[in-house]
PDB file of N, CA and C in Angstrom:
ATOM      1  N   MET A   1      47.406  59.383 -25.144  1.00  0.00           N
ATOM      2  CA  MET A   1      46.838  60.570 -24.954  1.00  0.00           C
ATOM      3  C   MET A   1      45.784  60.993 -26.116  1.00  0.00           C
ATOM      4  N   ASN A   2      44.682  61.208 -25.425  1.00  0.00           N
ATOM      5  CA  ASN A   2      43.376  61.523 -26.668  1.00  0.00           C
ATOM      6  C   ASN A   2      43.213  63.219 -26.496  1.00  0.00           C
ATOM      7  N   ILE A   3      43.539  63.568 -27.583  1.00  0.00           N
ATOM      8  CA  ILE A   3      43.309  65.232 -27.871  1.00  0.00           C
ATOM      9  C   ILE A   3      42.206  65.346 -28.803  1.00  0.00           C
ATOM     10  N   LYS A   4      41.173  66.279 -28.597  1.00  0.00           N
ATOM     11  CA  LYS A   4      40.076  66.643 -29.588  1.00  0.00           C
ATOM     12  C   LYS A   4      39.886  68.054 -29.542  1.00  0.00           C
ATOM     13  N   PRO A   5      39.423  68.479 -30.532  1.00  0.00           N
ATOM     14  CA  PRO A   5      38.964  70.158 -30.504  1.00  0.00           C
ATOM     15  C   PRO A   5      37.653  70.061 -29.748  1.00  0.00           C
ATOM     16  N   SER A   6      37.496  71.437 -29.139  1.00  0.00           N
ATOM     17  CA  SER A   6      36.437  71.463 -28.095  1.00  0.00           C
ATOM     18  C   SER A   6      34.867  71.245 -28.853  1.00  0.00           C
ATOM     19  N   ALA A   7      35.059  71.474 -30.040  1.00  0.00           N
ATOM     20  CA  ALA A   7      33.846  71.421 -30.910  1.00  0.00           C
ATOM     21  C   ALA A   7      33.489  69.951 -30.908  1.00  0.00           C
ATOM     22  N   SER A   8      34.072  69.055 -30.984  1.00  0.00           N
ATOM     23  CA  SER A   8      34.084  67.643 -30.953  1.00  0.00           C
ATOM     24  C   SER A   8      33.058  67.114 -29.847  1.00  0.00           C
ATOM     25  N   ILE A   9      33.155  67.736 -28.588  1.00  0.00           N
ATOM     26  CA  ILE A   9      32.179  67.484 -27.443  1.00  0.00           C
ATOM     27  C   ILE A   9      30.638  67.737 -27.826  1.00  0.00           C
ATOM     28  N   ARG A  10      30.501  68.763 -28.481  1.00  0.00           N
ATOM     29  CA  ARG A  10      29.141  69.082 -29.073  1.00  0.00           C
ATOM     30  C   ARG A  10      28.747  68.111 -30.205  1.00  0.00           C
ATOM     31  N   GLN A  11      29.683  67.916 -30.992  1.00  0.00           N
ATOM     32  CA  GLN A  11      29.063  67.132 -32.208  1.00  0.00           C
ATOM     33  C   GLN A  11      29.254  65.758 -32.079  1.00  0.00           C
ATOM     34  N   ASN A  12      30.037  65.117 -31.016  1.00  0.00           N
ATOM     35  CA  ASN A  12      30.263  63.773 -30.936  1.00  0.00           C
ATOM     36  C   ASN A  12      30.316  63.233 -29.501  1.00  0.00           C
ATOM     37  N   TYR A  13      29.278  63.875 -28.713  1.00  0.00           N
ATOM     38  CA  TYR A  13      29.318  63.561 -27.290  1.00  0.00           C
ATOM     39  C   TYR A  13      29.492  62.032 -26.860  1.00  0.00           C
ATOM     40  N   ASN A  14      28.635  61.339 -27.694  1.00  0.00           N
ATOM     41  CA  ASN A  14      28.574  59.886 -27.331  1.00  0.00           C
ATOM     42  C   ASN A  14      29.806  59.087 -27.557  1.00  0.00           C
ATOM     43  N   ASP A  15      30.459  59.509 -28.821  1.00  0.00           N
ATOM     44  CA  ASP A  15      31.725  58.959 -29.151  1.00  0.00           C
ATOM     45  C   ASP A  15      32.901  59.309 -28.146  1.00  0.00           C
ATOM     46  N   ILE A  16      32.901  60.662 -27.705  1.00  0.00           N
ATOM     47  CA  ILE A  16      33.909  60.886 -26.635  1.00  0.00           C
ATOM     48  C   ILE A  16      33.695  60.268 -25.198  1.00  0.00           C
ATOM     49  N   ALA A  17      32.345  60.178 -24.865  1.00  0.00           N
ATOM     50  CA  ALA A  17      32.113  59.531 -23.684  1.00  0.00           C
ATOM     51  C   ALA A  17      32.462  57.895 -23.853  1.00  0.00           C
ATOM     52  N   GLU A  18      32.226  57.318 -24.894  1.00  0.00           N
ATOM     53  CA  GLU A  18      32.599  56.102 -25.076  1.00  0.00           C
ATOM     54  C   GLU A  18      34.108  55.866 -25.159  1.00  0.00           C
ATOM     55  N   LEU A  19      34.957  56.782 -25.847  1.00  0.00           N
ATOM     56  CA  LEU A  19      36.377  56.871 -25.681  1.00  0.00           C
ATOM     57  C   LEU A  19      36.886  56.800 -24.353  1.00  0.00           C
ATOM     58  N   CYS A  20      36.288  57.825 -23.497  1.00  0.00           N
ATOM     59  CA  CYS A  20      36.609  57.812 -21.997  1.00  0.00           C
ATOM     60  C   CYS A  20      36.448  56.509 -21.304  1.00  0.00           C
ATOM     61  N   ARG A  21      35.126  56.006 -21.514  1.00  0.00           N
ATOM     62  CA  ARG A  21      34.927  54.870 -20.913  1.00  0.00           C
ATOM     63  C   ARG A  21      35.748  53.621 -21.273  1.00  0.00           C
ATOM     64  N   SER A  22      35.875  53.405 -22.368  1.00  0.00           N
ATOM     65  CA  SER A  22      36.645  52.388 -22.861  1.00  0.00           C
ATOM     66  C   SER A  22      38.161  52.353 -22.616  1.00  0.00           C
ATOM     67  N   THR A  23      38.700  53.567 -22.589  1.00  0.00           N
ATOM     68  CA  THR A  23      40.160  53.645 -22.289  1.00  0.00           C
ATOM     69  C   THR A  23      40.528  53.917 -20.830  1.00  0.00           C
ATOM     70  N   GLY A  24      39.493  54.522 -20.161  1.00  0.00           N
ATOM     71  CA  GLY A  24      39.820  54.851 -18.701  1.00  0.00           C
ATOM     72  C   GLY A  24      40.706  56.084 -18.794  1.00  0.00           C
ATOM     73  N   GLU A  25      40.958  56.745 -19.742  1.00  0.00           N
ATOM     74  CA  GLU A  25      41.997  57.854 -19.867  1.00  0.00           C
ATOM     75  C   GLU A  25      41.150  58.995 -20.104  1.00  0.00           C
ATOM     76  N   PRO A  26      41.609  60.200 -19.639  1.00  0.00           N
ATOM     77  CA  PRO A  26      40.916  61.496 -19.856  1.00  0.00           C
ATOM     78  C   PRO A  26      41.053  61.969 -21.435  1.00  0.00           C
ATOM     79  N   VAL A  27      40.281  62.833 -21.879  1.00  0.00           N
ATOM     80  CA  VAL A  27      40.218  63.409 -23.372  1.00  0.00           C
ATOM     81  C   VAL A  27      40.560  64.773 -22.951  1.00  0.00           C
ATOM     82  N   TYR A  28      41.524  65.225 -23.705  1.00  0.00           N
ATOM     83  CA  TYR A  28      41.954  66.681 -23.672  1.00  0.00           C
ATOM     84  C   TYR A  28      41.196  67.423 -24.772  1.00  0.00           C
ATOM     85  N   LEU A  29      40.647  68.471 -24.356  1.00  0.00           N
ATOM     86  CA  LEU A  29      39.759  69.367 -25.554  1.00  0.00           C
ATOM     87  C   LEU A  29      40.557  70.519 -25.554  1.00  0.00           C
ATOM     88  N   THR A  30      40.673  71.106 -26.863  1.00  0.00           N
ATOM     89  CA  THR A  30      41.484  72.127 -27.302  1.00  0.00           C
ATOM     90  C   THR A  30      40.417  73.285 -27.706  1.00  0.00           C
ATOM     91  N   LYS A  31      41.024  74.424 -27.664  1.00  0.00           N
ATOM     92  CA  LYS A  31      40.124  75.481 -28.093  1.00  0.00           C
ATOM     93  C   LYS A  31      41.171  76.659 -28.911  1.00  0.00           C
ATOM     94  N   ASN A  32      40.803  76.786 -30.080  1.00  0.00           N
ATOM     95  CA  ASN A  32      41.804  77.428 -31.016  1.00  0.00           C
ATOM     96  C   ASN A  32      43.296  76.968 -30.864  1.00  0.00           C
ATOM     97  N   GLY A  33      43.282  75.673 -30.764  1.00  0.00           N
ATOM     98  CA  GLY A  33      44.617  74.984 -30.655  1.00  0.00           C
ATOM     99  C   GLY A  33      45.364  74.972 -29.409  1.00  0.00           C
ATOM    100  N   GLU A  34      44.719  75.447 -28.330  1.00  0.00           N
ATOM    101  CA  GLU A  34      45.109  75.659 -26.910  1.00  0.00           C
ATOM    102  C   GLU A  34      44.370  74.678 -26.257  1.00  0.00           C
ATOM    103  N   GLY A  35      45.029  74.081 -25.028  1.00  0.00           N
ATOM    104  CA  GLY A  35      44.409  73.286 -24.179  1.00  0.00           C
ATOM    105  C   GLY A  35      43.287  74.071 -23.426  1.00  0.00           C
ATOM    106  N   ASP A  36      42.139  73.521 -23.232  1.00  0.00           N
ATOM    107  CA  ASP A  36      41.178  73.995 -22.520  1.00  0.00           C
ATOM    108  C   ASP A  36      40.384  73.332 -21.527  1.00  0.00           C
ATOM    109  N   LEU A  37      40.035  72.253 -21.686  1.00  0.00           N
ATOM    110  CA  LEU A  37      39.291  71.209 -20.722  1.00  0.00           C
ATOM    111  C   LEU A  37      39.809  69.921 -20.845  1.00  0.00           C
ATOM    112  N   VAL A  38      39.497  69.016 -19.798  1.00  0.00           N
ATOM    113  CA  VAL A  38      40.001  67.608 -19.716  1.00  0.00           C
ATOM    114  C   VAL A  38      38.403  67.013 -19.388  1.00  0.00           C
ATOM    115  N   VAL A  39      38.156  65.901 -20.177  1.00  0.00           N
ATOM    116  CA  VAL A  39      36.968  65.186 -19.825  1.00  0.00           C
ATOM    117  C   VAL A  39      37.209  63.643 -19.409  1.00  0.00           C
ATOM    118  N   MET A  40      36.644  63.262 -18.360  1.00  0.00           N
ATOM    119  CA  MET A  40      36.901  61.737 -17.805  1.00  0.00           C
ATOM    120  C   MET A  40      35.400  61.030 -17.534  1.00  0.00           C
ATOM    121  N   ASP A  41      35.492  59.922 -17.782  1.00  0.00           N
ATOM    122  CA  ASP A  41      34.290  59.212 -17.397  1.00  0.00           C
ATOM    123  C   ASP A  41      34.308  59.017 -15.872  1.00  0.00           C
ATOM    124  N   ILE A  42      33.087  59.037 -15.109  1.00  0.00           N
ATOM    125  CA  ILE A  42      32.933  59.050 -13.779  1.00  0.00           C
ATOM    126  C   ILE A  42      33.722  58.157 -13.067  1.00  0.00           C
ATOM    127  N   ASN A  43      33.802  56.917 -13.485  1.00  0.00           N
ATOM    128  CA  ASN A  43      34.317  55.720 -12.702  1.00  0.00           C
ATOM    129  C   ASN A  43      35.869  56.062 -12.708  1.00  0.00           C
ATOM    130  N   SER A  44      36.488  56.466 -13.807  1.00  0.00           N
ATOM    131  CA  SER A  44      37.896  56.784 -13.831  1.00  0.00           C
ATOM    132  C   SER A  44      38.170  57.971 -12.953  1.00  0.00           C
ATOM    133  N   PHE A  45      37.244  58.967 -12.800  1.00  0.00           N
ATOM    134  CA  PHE A  45      37.503  60.021 -12.116  1.00  0.00           C
ATOM    135  C   PHE A  45      37.455  59.706 -10.557  1.00  0.00           C
ATOM    136  N   THR A  46      36.465  58.956 -10.233  1.00  0.00           N
ATOM    137  CA  THR A  46      36.241  58.632  -8.607  1.00  0.00           C
ATOM    138  C   THR A  46      37.533  57.681  -8.399  1.00  0.00           C
ATOM    139  N   LYS A  47      37.984  56.802  -9.085  1.00  0.00           N
ATOM    140  CA  LYS A  47      39.141  55.753  -8.826  1.00  0.00           C
ATOM    141  C   LYS A  47      40.318  56.911  -8.739  1.00  0.00           C
ATOM    142  N   ARG A  48      40.447  57.808  -9.391  1.00  0.00           N
ATOM    143  CA  ARG A  48      41.873  58.791  -9.523  1.00  0.00           C
ATOM    144  C   ARG A  48      41.696  59.580  -8.131  1.00  0.00           C
ATOM    145  N   GLU A  49      40.404  59.973  -7.904  1.00  0.00           N
ATOM    146  CA  GLU A  49      40.321  60.971  -6.654  1.00  0.00           C
ATOM    147  C   GLU A  49      40.473  59.989  -5.374  1.00  0.00           C
ATOM    148  N   LYS A  50      40.096  58.898  -5.388  1.00  0.00           N
ATOM    149  CA  LYS A  50      40.377  58.065  -4.072  1.00  0.00           C
ATOM    150  C   LYS A  50      41.908  57.755  -3.995  1.00  0.00           C
ATOM    151  N   MET A  51      42.671  57.441  -5.074  1.00  0.00           N
ATOM    152  CA  MET A  51      44.045  57.226  -5.186  1.00  0.00           C
ATOM    153  C   MET A  51      44.760  58.573  -4.796  1.00  0.00           C
ATOM    154  N   LEU A  52      44.441  59.592  -5.195  1.00  0.00           N
ATOM    155  CA  LEU A  52      45.024  60.912  -4.705  1.00  0.00           C
ATOM    156  C   LEU A  52      44.729  60.958  -3.188  1.00  0.00           C
ATOM    157  N   LYS A  53      43.548  60.721  -2.597  1.00  0.00           N
ATOM    158  CA  LYS A  53      43.326  60.816  -1.208  1.00  0.00           C
ATOM    159  C   LYS A  53      44.259  59.816  -0.513  1.00  0.00           C
ATOM    160  N   LEU A  54      44.357  58.626  -0.871  1.00  0.00           N
ATOM    161  CA  LEU A  54      45.243  57.657  -0.183  1.00  0.00           C
ATOM    162  C   LEU A  54      46.655  58.263  -0.236  1.00  0.00           C
ATOM    163  N   ARG A  55      47.101  58.741  -1.430  1.00  0.00           N
ATOM    164  CA  ARG A  55      48.416  59.312  -1.460  1.00  0.00           C
ATOM    165  C   ARG A  55      48.897  60.238  -0.457  1.00  0.00           C
ATOM    166  N   GLU A  56      47.770  61.122  -0.135  1.00  0.00           N
ATOM    167  CA  GLU A  56      47.899  62.279   0.798  1.00  0.00           C
ATOM    168  C   GLU A  56      47.813  61.898   2.040  1.00  0.00           C
ATOM    169  N   GLU A  57      46.965  60.791   2.423  1.00  0.00           N
ATOM    170  CA  GLU A  57      47.028  60.344   3.700  1.00  0.00           C
ATOM    171  C   GLU A  57      48.534  59.540   3.984  1.00  0.00           C
ATOM    172  N   LEU A  58      49.092  58.868   3.015  1.00  0.00           N
ATOM    173  CA  LEU A  58      50.241  58.095   3.099  1.00  0.00           C
ATOM    174  C   LEU A  58      51.506  59.140   3.499  1.00  0.00           C
ATOM    175  N   LEU A  59      51.451  60.181   2.659  1.00  0.00           N
ATOM    176  CA  LEU A  59      52.291  61.271   2.717  1.00  0.00           C
ATOM    177  C   LEU A  59      52.324  61.927   4.075  1.00  0.00           C
ATOM    178  N   ALA A  60      51.095  62.099   4.532  1.00  0.00           N
ATOM    179  CA  ALA A  60      51.013  62.713   5.988  1.00  0.00           C
ATOM    180  C   ALA A  60      51.494  61.903   6.943  1.00  0.00           C
ATOM    181  N   VAL A  61      51.290  60.547   6.812  1.00  0.00           N
ATOM    182  CA  VAL A  61      51.679  59.672   7.900  1.00  0.00           C
ATOM    183  C   VAL A  61      53.332  59.457   7.804  1.00  0.00           C
ATOM    184  N   GLU A  62      53.919  59.458   6.511  1.00  0.00           N
ATOM    185  CA  GLU A  62      55.212  59.368   6.248  1.00  0.00           C
ATOM    186  C   GLU A  62      55.925  60.697   6.972  1.00  0.00           C
ATOM    187  N   GLU A  63      55.298  61.685   6.833  1.00  0.00           N
ATOM    188  CA  GLU A  63      55.905  63.000   7.287  1.00  0.00           C
ATOM    189  C   GLU A  63      55.768  63.020   8.896  1.00  0.00           C
ATOM    190  N   ASP A  64      54.697  62.496   9.295  1.00  0.00           N
ATOM    191  CA  ASP A  64      54.710  62.323  10.868  1.00  0.00           C
ATOM    192  C   ASP A  64      55.773  61.555  11.358  1.00  0.00           C
ATOM    193  N   ARG A  65      56.012  60.467  10.512  1.00  0.00           N
ATOM    194  CA  ARG A  65      57.056  59.298  11.041  1.00  0.00           C
ATOM    195  C   ARG A  65      58.540  60.015  11.001  1.00  0.00           C
ATOM    196  N   LEU A  66      58.627  60.798   9.823  1.00  0.00           N
ATOM    197  CA  LEU A  66      59.948  61.479   9.896  1.00  0.00           C
ATOM    198  C   LEU A  66      60.001  62.630  10.890  1.00  0.00           C
ATOM    199  N   HIS A  67      59.045  63.187  11.420  1.00  0.00           N
ATOM    200  CA  HIS A  67      59.225  63.994  12.639  1.00  0.00           C
ATOM    201  C   HIS A  67      59.015  63.490  13.847  1.00  0.00           C
ATOM    202  N   GLY A  68      59.294  62.186  13.886  1.00  0.00           N
ATOM    203  CA  GLY A  68      59.260  61.351  15.121  1.00  0.00           C
ATOM    204  C   GLY A  68      58.221  60.774  15.778  1.00  0.00           C
ATOM    205  N   ALA A  69      56.943  60.888  15.099  1.00  0.00           N
ATOM    206  CA  ALA A  69      55.792  60.175  15.567  1.00  0.00           C
ATOM    207  C   ALA A  69      56.114  58.630  15.804  1.00  0.00           C
ATOM    208  N   PRO A  70      55.577  58.082  16.828  1.00  0.00           N
ATOM    209  CA  PRO A  70      55.927  56.605  17.029  1.00  0.00           C
ATOM    210  C   PRO A  70      55.350  55.816  15.793  1.00  0.00           C
ATOM    211  N   ASP A  71      56.086  54.757  15.683  1.00  0.00           N
ATOM    212  CA  ASP A  71      55.693  53.838  14.777  1.00  0.00           C
ATOM    213  C   ASP A  71      55.436  52.412  15.336  1.00  0.00           C
ATOM    214  N   TYR A  72      54.790  51.567  14.696  1.00  0.00           N
ATOM    215  CA  TYR A  72      54.528  50.023  15.301  1.00  0.00           C
ATOM    216  C   TYR A  72      54.621  49.032  14.377  1.00  0.00           C
ATOM    217  N   SER A  73      55.003  47.920  14.723  1.00  0.00           N
ATOM    218  CA  SER A  73      54.962  46.792  13.948  1.00  0.00           C
ATOM    219  C   SER A  73      53.688  46.222  13.657  1.00  0.00           C
ATOM    220  N   VAL A  74      53.726  45.270  12.588  1.00  0.00           N
ATOM    221  CA  VAL A  74      52.344  44.683  12.280  1.00  0.00           C
ATOM    222  C   VAL A  74      51.730  44.006  13.709  1.00  0.00           C
ATOM    223  N   ASP A  75      52.892  43.215  14.302  1.00  0.00           N
ATOM    224  CA  ASP A  75      52.173  42.574  15.502  1.00  0.00           C
ATOM    225  C   ASP A  75      51.845  43.369  16.605  1.00  0.00           C
ATOM    226  N   GLU A  76      52.339  44.582  16.657  1.00  0.00           N
ATOM    227  CA  GLU A  76      51.927  45.427  17.713  1.00  0.00           C
ATOM    228  C   GLU A  76      50.550  45.952  17.511  1.00  0.00           C
ATOM    229  N   VAL A  77      50.478  46.301  16.192  1.00  0.00           N
ATOM    230  CA  VAL A  77      49.145  46.806  15.949  1.00  0.00           C
ATOM    231  C   VAL A  77      47.989  45.795  15.960  1.00  0.00           C
ATOM    232  N   ALA A  78      48.318  44.550  15.593  1.00  0.00           N
ATOM    233  CA  ALA A  78      47.498  43.523  15.820  1.00  0.00           C
ATOM    234  C   ALA A  78      47.141  43.185  17.329  1.00  0.00           C
ATOM    235  N   SER A  79      48.027  43.273  18.117  1.00  0.00           N
ATOM    236  CA  SER A  79      47.874  43.332  19.689  1.00  0.00           C
ATOM    237  C   SER A  79      46.963  44.408  20.099  1.00  0.00           C
ATOM    238  N   MET A  80      47.208  45.698  19.511  1.00  0.00           N
ATOM    239  CA  MET A  80      46.253  46.731  20.051  1.00  0.00           C
ATOM    240  C   MET A  80      45.081  46.405  19.610  1.00  0.00           C
ATOM    241  N   MET A  81      44.899  46.142  18.508  1.00  0.00           N
ATOM    242  CA  MET A  81      43.465  45.679  17.900  1.00  0.00           C
ATOM    243  C   MET A  81      42.589  44.575  18.740  1.00  0.00           C
ATOM    244  N   ASP A  82      43.329  43.564  19.018  1.00  0.00           N
ATOM    245  CA  ASP A  82      42.865  42.528  19.839  1.00  0.00           C
ATOM    246  C   ASP A  82      42.512  43.073  21.214  1.00  0.00           C
ATOM    247  N   GLN A  83      43.220  43.840  21.831  1.00  0.00           N
ATOM    248  CA  GLN A  83      42.990  44.381  23.068  1.00  0.00           C
ATOM    249  C   GLN A  83      41.687  45.331  22.945  1.00  0.00           C
ATOM    250  N   ALA A  84      41.613  46.188  21.910  1.00  0.00           N
ATOM    251  CA  ALA A  84      40.321  47.208  21.858  1.00  0.00           C
ATOM    252  C   ALA A  84      39.201  46.183  21.447  1.00  0.00           C
ATOM    253  N   ILE A  85      39.363  45.033  20.802  1.00  0.00           N
ATOM    254  CA  ILE A  85      38.037  44.345  20.639  1.00  0.00           C
ATOM    255  C   ILE A  85      37.627  43.663  21.941  1.00  0.00           C
ATOM    256  N   ARG A  86      38.658  43.208  22.736  1.00  0.00           N
ATOM    257  CA  ARG A  86      38.298  42.531  23.989  1.00  0.00           C
ATOM    258  C   ARG A  86      37.759  43.667  25.034  1.00  0.00           C
ATOM    259  N   GLU A  87      38.232  44.987  24.732  1.00  0.00           N
ATOM    260  CA  GLU A  87      37.636  45.801  25.950  1.00  0.00           C
ATOM    261  C   GLU A  87      36.172  46.297  25.487  1.00  0.00           C
ATOM    262  N   THR A  88      36.059  46.267  24.134  1.00  0.00           N
ATOM    263  CA  THR A  88      34.788  46.741  23.564  1.00  0.00           C
ATOM    264  C   THR A  88      33.721  45.591  24.010  1.00  0.00           C
ATOM    265  N   CYS A  89      34.130  44.285  23.621  1.00  0.00           N
ATOM    266  CA  CYS A  89      33.171  43.234  23.877  1.00  0.00           C
ATOM    267  C   CYS A  89      33.057  43.077  25.455  1.00  0.00           C
ATOM    268  N   HIS A  90      33.753  43.319  26.197  1.00  0.00           N
ATOM    269  CA  HIS A  90      33.801  43.211  27.743  1.00  0.00           C
ATOM    270  C   HIS A  90      32.980  44.284  28.355  1.00  0.00           C
ATOM    271  N   ALA A  91      32.941  45.458  27.705  1.00  0.00           N
ATOM    272  CA  ALA A  91      32.230  46.691  28.135  1.00  0.00           C
ATOM    273  C   ALA A  91      30.794  46.416  27.749  1.00  0.00           C
ATOM    274  N   GLY A  92      30.401  45.568  26.622  1.00  0.00           N
ATOM    275  CA  GLY A  92      29.050  45.582  26.232  1.00  0.00           C
ATOM    276  C   GLY A  92      28.320  44.122  26.795  1.00  0.00           C
ATOM    277  N   ALA A  93      29.067  43.577  27.705  1.00  0.00           N
ATOM    278  CA  ALA A  93      28.586  42.425  28.501  1.00  0.00           C
ATOM    279  C   ALA A  93      27.910  42.776  29.627  1.00  0.00           C
TER     280      ALA A  93
END
């Protein structure tokens, strides 16, 4: 965990930015000894956001399954996809 005083962002922006990029980890900034801000490089932030969105979607699907939503095997899904492709190709012909 990287912790820096908030003044360091003004004085050492490039160093903090490089630390974020090289580690892929956030830097925690403090103000008067208390947590104040978190700084991350944009690639790590984007990756984290995508992961959180995927987790939300998986959780929603699992909650649906637990509440009785139908589930399908891999073979059933493959068959449904094949059927949808055939229908789409046939409709366009």
